[in-house]
Amino acid sequence: MRGRLPLAVIPLLVAGCGGNQNVLHGESHQEHSIDTLWWVMFGVACVCFALIGFLLLLGRGGATGASSPEAATSASRPGSSSGWGS
């Protein structure tokens, strides 16, 4: 069985050699459009991820002090929890 594994991998390695296709530098208009769309969607996803992380940290940090009487009474109720493991 060990002798067959390298024989099975060699065709896969050789199949990737040669050709003029380049995934990173598209030549046609369609490839350029897809590339631009991917980068725009990646940028939007990064901004959303950072915004949600910031809002989670902001919400976590803001719950430490009770500035109003309503917040103080709701935090002191038995069985009330913020859901953050406290």
N, C-alpha and C. Protein backbone atom coordinates (compact mmCIF):
# COMPACT_ATOMS: atom_id res chain seq x y z
N MET A 1 0.82 -1.20 0.00
CA MET A 1 0.00 0.00 0.00
C MET A 1 0.86 1.26 0.00
N ARG A 2 1.99 1.23 0.71
CA ARG A 2 2.83 2.41 0.76
C ARG A 2 3.47 2.72 -0.58
N GLY A 3 3.76 1.71 -1.36
CA GLY A 3 4.37 1.93 -2.66
C GLY A 3 3.41 2.52 -3.68
N ARG A 4 2.11 2.33 -3.46
CA ARG A 4 1.11 2.83 -4.41
C ARG A 4 0.79 4.31 -4.20
N LEU A 5 0.96 4.80 -3.00
CA LEU A 5 0.61 6.19 -2.71
C LEU A 5 1.44 7.18 -3.52
N PRO A 6 2.78 7.07 -3.56
CA PRO A 6 3.53 8.00 -4.42
C PRO A 6 3.17 7.88 -5.89
N LEU A 7 2.83 6.67 -6.34
CA LEU A 7 2.44 6.50 -7.73
C LEU A 7 1.11 7.20 -8.02
N ALA A 8 0.25 7.28 -7.04
CA ALA A 8 -1.04 7.95 -7.22
C ALA A 8 -0.89 9.47 -7.16
N VAL A 9 0.11 9.96 -6.45
CA VAL A 9 0.29 11.41 -6.29
C VAL A 9 1.02 12.02 -7.49
N ILE A 10 1.88 11.27 -8.14
CA ILE A 10 2.68 11.80 -9.25
C ILE A 10 1.80 12.37 -10.37
N PRO A 11 0.74 11.70 -10.83
CA PRO A 11 -0.10 12.30 -11.88
C PRO A 11 -0.76 13.61 -11.44
N LEU A 12 -1.11 13.71 -10.18
CA LEU A 12 -1.72 14.95 -9.69
C LEU A 12 -0.73 16.11 -9.72
N LEU A 13 0.52 15.82 -9.36
CA LEU A 13 1.54 16.87 -9.39
C LEU A 13 1.89 17.28 -10.81
N VAL A 14 1.99 16.33 -11.71
CA VAL A 14 2.35 16.63 -13.08
C VAL A 14 1.23 17.35 -13.80
N ALA A 15 -0.01 17.09 -13.44
CA ALA A 15 -1.15 17.73 -14.10
C ALA A 15 -1.17 19.23 -13.87
N GLY A 16 -0.59 19.71 -12.80
CA GLY A 16 -0.59 21.13 -12.52
C GLY A 16 0.51 21.90 -13.23
N CYS A 17 1.41 21.22 -13.89
CA CYS A 17 2.51 21.88 -14.57
C CYS A 17 2.09 22.34 -15.95
N GLY A 18 2.66 23.46 -16.38
CA GLY A 18 2.42 23.95 -17.73
C GLY A 18 1.15 24.77 -17.83
N GLY A 19 0.90 25.28 -19.01
CA GLY A 19 -0.29 26.08 -19.25
C GLY A 19 -0.02 27.56 -19.01
N ASN A 20 -0.91 28.38 -19.53
CA ASN A 20 -0.73 29.82 -19.39
C ASN A 20 -1.79 30.46 -18.51
N GLN A 21 -2.51 29.67 -17.74
CA GLN A 21 -3.53 30.22 -16.86
C GLN A 21 -2.90 30.73 -15.58
N ASN A 22 -3.37 31.88 -15.13
CA ASN A 22 -2.87 32.46 -13.89
C ASN A 22 -4.07 32.98 -13.11
N VAL A 23 -4.29 32.42 -11.97
CA VAL A 23 -5.45 32.79 -11.16
C VAL A 23 -5.31 34.20 -10.60
N LEU A 24 -4.11 34.61 -10.31
CA LEU A 24 -3.90 35.91 -9.65
C LEU A 24 -3.94 37.09 -10.60
N HIS A 25 -3.71 36.86 -11.87
CA HIS A 25 -3.70 37.96 -12.85
C HIS A 25 -4.58 37.58 -14.03
N GLY A 26 -5.86 37.87 -13.90
CA GLY A 26 -6.81 37.54 -14.96
C GLY A 26 -6.62 38.45 -16.16
N GLU A 27 -6.76 37.88 -17.34
CA GLU A 27 -6.55 38.63 -18.57
C GLU A 27 -7.86 39.14 -19.17
N SER A 28 -8.95 38.41 -19.01
CA SER A 28 -10.20 38.79 -19.67
C SER A 28 -10.98 39.78 -18.80
N HIS A 29 -11.98 40.38 -19.42
CA HIS A 29 -12.84 41.33 -18.72
C HIS A 29 -13.63 40.63 -17.62
N GLN A 30 -14.11 39.42 -17.89
CA GLN A 30 -14.88 38.69 -16.90
C GLN A 30 -14.03 38.35 -15.69
N GLU A 31 -12.80 37.93 -15.91
CA GLU A 31 -11.93 37.61 -14.78
C GLU A 31 -11.64 38.85 -13.95
N HIS A 32 -11.45 39.97 -14.61
CA HIS A 32 -11.20 41.22 -13.87
C HIS A 32 -12.42 41.62 -13.05
N SER A 33 -13.62 41.43 -13.62
CA SER A 33 -14.85 41.77 -12.89
C SER A 33 -15.04 40.88 -11.67
N ILE A 34 -14.77 39.59 -11.83
CA ILE A 34 -14.89 38.67 -10.70
C ILE A 34 -13.86 38.99 -9.63
N ASP A 35 -12.66 39.32 -10.05
CA ASP A 35 -11.60 39.68 -9.11
C ASP A 35 -11.96 40.93 -8.32
N THR A 36 -12.49 41.93 -9.00
CA THR A 36 -12.91 43.16 -8.33
C THR A 36 -14.06 42.90 -7.37
N LEU A 37 -15.03 42.10 -7.80
CA LEU A 37 -16.15 41.76 -6.93
C LEU A 37 -15.68 41.03 -5.69
N TRP A 38 -14.73 40.11 -5.84
CA TRP A 38 -14.22 39.37 -4.69
C TRP A 38 -13.56 40.30 -3.69
N TRP A 39 -12.73 41.22 -4.16
CA TRP A 39 -12.05 42.13 -3.24
C TRP A 39 -13.02 43.08 -2.56
N VAL A 40 -14.05 43.53 -3.27
CA VAL A 40 -15.05 44.40 -2.65
C VAL A 40 -15.80 43.64 -1.56
N MET A 41 -16.21 42.40 -1.86
CA MET A 41 -16.93 41.61 -0.86
C MET A 41 -16.03 41.27 0.33
N PHE A 42 -14.77 41.01 0.07
CA PHE A 42 -13.83 40.75 1.16
C PHE A 42 -13.67 41.98 2.05
N GLY A 43 -13.57 43.17 1.44
CA GLY A 43 -13.46 44.40 2.21
C GLY A 43 -14.69 44.67 3.06
N VAL A 44 -15.87 44.45 2.48
CA VAL A 44 -17.12 44.65 3.22
C VAL A 44 -17.20 43.66 4.39
N ALA A 45 -16.80 42.42 4.14
CA ALA A 45 -16.83 41.42 5.22
C ALA A 45 -15.87 41.79 6.34
N CYS A 46 -14.69 42.32 6.00
CA CYS A 46 -13.74 42.74 7.03
C CYS A 46 -14.28 43.91 7.85
N VAL A 47 -14.90 44.87 7.18
CA VAL A 47 -15.48 46.00 7.89
C VAL A 47 -16.61 45.54 8.81
N CYS A 48 -17.47 44.65 8.33
CA CYS A 48 -18.57 44.13 9.16
C CYS A 48 -18.02 43.35 10.36
N PHE A 49 -17.01 42.55 10.12
CA PHE A 49 -16.40 41.78 11.21
C PHE A 49 -15.82 42.71 12.27
N ALA A 50 -15.11 43.75 11.84
CA ALA A 50 -14.52 44.69 12.78
C ALA A 50 -15.61 45.47 13.53
N LEU A 51 -16.66 45.86 12.81
CA LEU A 51 -17.75 46.61 13.45
C LEU A 51 -18.48 45.76 14.49
N ILE A 52 -18.76 44.52 14.16
CA ILE A 52 -19.44 43.65 15.13
C ILE A 52 -18.54 43.37 16.33
N GLY A 53 -17.25 43.16 16.09
CA GLY A 53 -16.33 42.97 17.20
C GLY A 53 -16.26 44.20 18.09
N PHE A 54 -16.22 45.38 17.46
CA PHE A 54 -16.20 46.63 18.23
C PHE A 54 -17.47 46.78 19.06
N LEU A 55 -18.62 46.50 18.45
CA LEU A 55 -19.88 46.63 19.19
C LEU A 55 -19.97 45.62 20.33
N LEU A 56 -19.46 44.41 20.12
CA LEU A 56 -19.44 43.44 21.21
C LEU A 56 -18.55 43.91 22.36
N LEU A 57 -17.38 44.43 22.02
CA LEU A 57 -16.50 44.94 23.07
C LEU A 57 -17.10 46.16 23.75
N LEU A 58 -17.75 47.01 22.99
CA LEU A 58 -18.39 48.20 23.56
C LEU A 58 -19.51 47.79 24.51
N GLY A 59 -20.31 46.81 24.10
CA GLY A 59 -21.40 46.34 24.96
C GLY A 59 -20.88 45.63 26.20
N ARG A 60 -19.80 44.91 26.07
CA ARG A 60 -19.21 44.21 27.22
C ARG A 60 -18.61 45.20 28.21
N GLY A 61 -17.93 46.21 27.71
CA GLY A 61 -17.30 47.20 28.59
C GLY A 61 -18.29 48.14 29.22
N GLY A 62 -19.39 48.41 28.55
CA GLY A 62 -20.38 49.34 29.08
C GLY A 62 -21.25 48.74 30.17
N ALA A 63 -21.23 47.44 30.33
CA ALA A 63 -22.10 46.80 31.32
C ALA A 63 -21.45 46.69 32.69
N THR A 64 -20.27 47.27 32.88
CA THR A 64 -19.58 47.12 34.16
C THR A 64 -20.12 48.05 35.23
N GLY A 65 -20.55 49.23 34.85
CA GLY A 65 -21.01 50.18 35.86
C GLY A 65 -22.50 50.46 35.72
N ALA A 66 -23.19 50.61 36.85
CA ALA A 66 -24.62 50.92 36.82
C ALA A 66 -24.77 52.42 37.02
N SER A 67 -25.14 53.13 35.95
CA SER A 67 -25.25 54.58 36.04
C SER A 67 -26.66 55.04 36.35
N SER A 68 -27.65 54.19 36.14
CA SER A 68 -29.02 54.60 36.41
C SER A 68 -29.65 53.66 37.45
N PRO A 69 -30.68 54.12 38.16
CA PRO A 69 -31.33 53.24 39.14
C PRO A 69 -31.95 52.01 38.50
N GLU A 70 -32.47 52.14 37.26
CA GLU A 70 -33.06 50.99 36.58
C GLU A 70 -32.01 49.93 36.32
N ALA A 71 -30.84 50.35 35.91
CA ALA A 71 -29.76 49.40 35.63
C ALA A 71 -29.29 48.73 36.92
N ALA A 72 -29.27 49.47 38.01
CA ALA A 72 -28.83 48.90 39.27
C ALA A 72 -29.83 47.87 39.78
N THR A 73 -31.13 48.15 39.64
CA THR A 73 -32.13 47.19 40.12
C THR A 73 -32.21 45.97 39.23
N SER A 74 -32.07 46.15 37.92
CA SER A 74 -32.15 44.99 37.04
C SER A 74 -30.92 44.11 37.19
N ALA A 75 -29.78 44.68 37.51
CA ALA A 75 -28.57 43.89 37.70
C ALA A 75 -28.59 43.15 39.03
N SER A 76 -29.35 43.66 40.00
CA SER A 76 -29.36 43.03 41.32
C SER A 76 -30.47 42.00 41.46
N ARG A 77 -31.31 41.82 40.46
CA ARG A 77 -32.37 40.83 40.55
C ARG A 77 -31.79 39.43 40.56
N PRO A 78 -32.33 38.56 41.38
CA PRO A 78 -31.84 37.18 41.37
C PRO A 78 -32.18 36.50 40.03
N GLY A 79 -31.23 35.79 39.53
CA GLY A 79 -31.44 35.05 38.27
C GLY A 79 -31.19 35.88 37.04
N SER A 80 -30.90 37.18 37.20
CA SER A 80 -30.63 37.97 36.00
C SER A 80 -29.16 37.82 35.65
N SER A 81 -28.93 37.68 34.38
CA SER A 81 -27.56 37.51 33.90
C SER A 81 -27.42 38.22 32.58
N SER A 82 -26.23 38.68 32.30
CA SER A 82 -25.99 39.38 31.04
C SER A 82 -25.74 38.40 29.91
N GLY A 83 -25.56 37.13 30.21
CA GLY A 83 -25.29 36.15 29.18
C GLY A 83 -23.83 36.02 28.85
N TRP A 84 -22.96 36.71 29.55
CA TRP A 84 -21.52 36.68 29.28
C TRP A 84 -20.79 35.82 30.31
N GLY A 85 -21.49 34.95 30.94
CA GLY A 85 -20.85 34.06 31.89
C GLY A 85 -20.71 34.64 33.28
N SER A 86 -21.44 35.70 33.56
CA SER A 86 -21.33 36.30 34.90
C SER A 86 -22.47 35.86 35.79
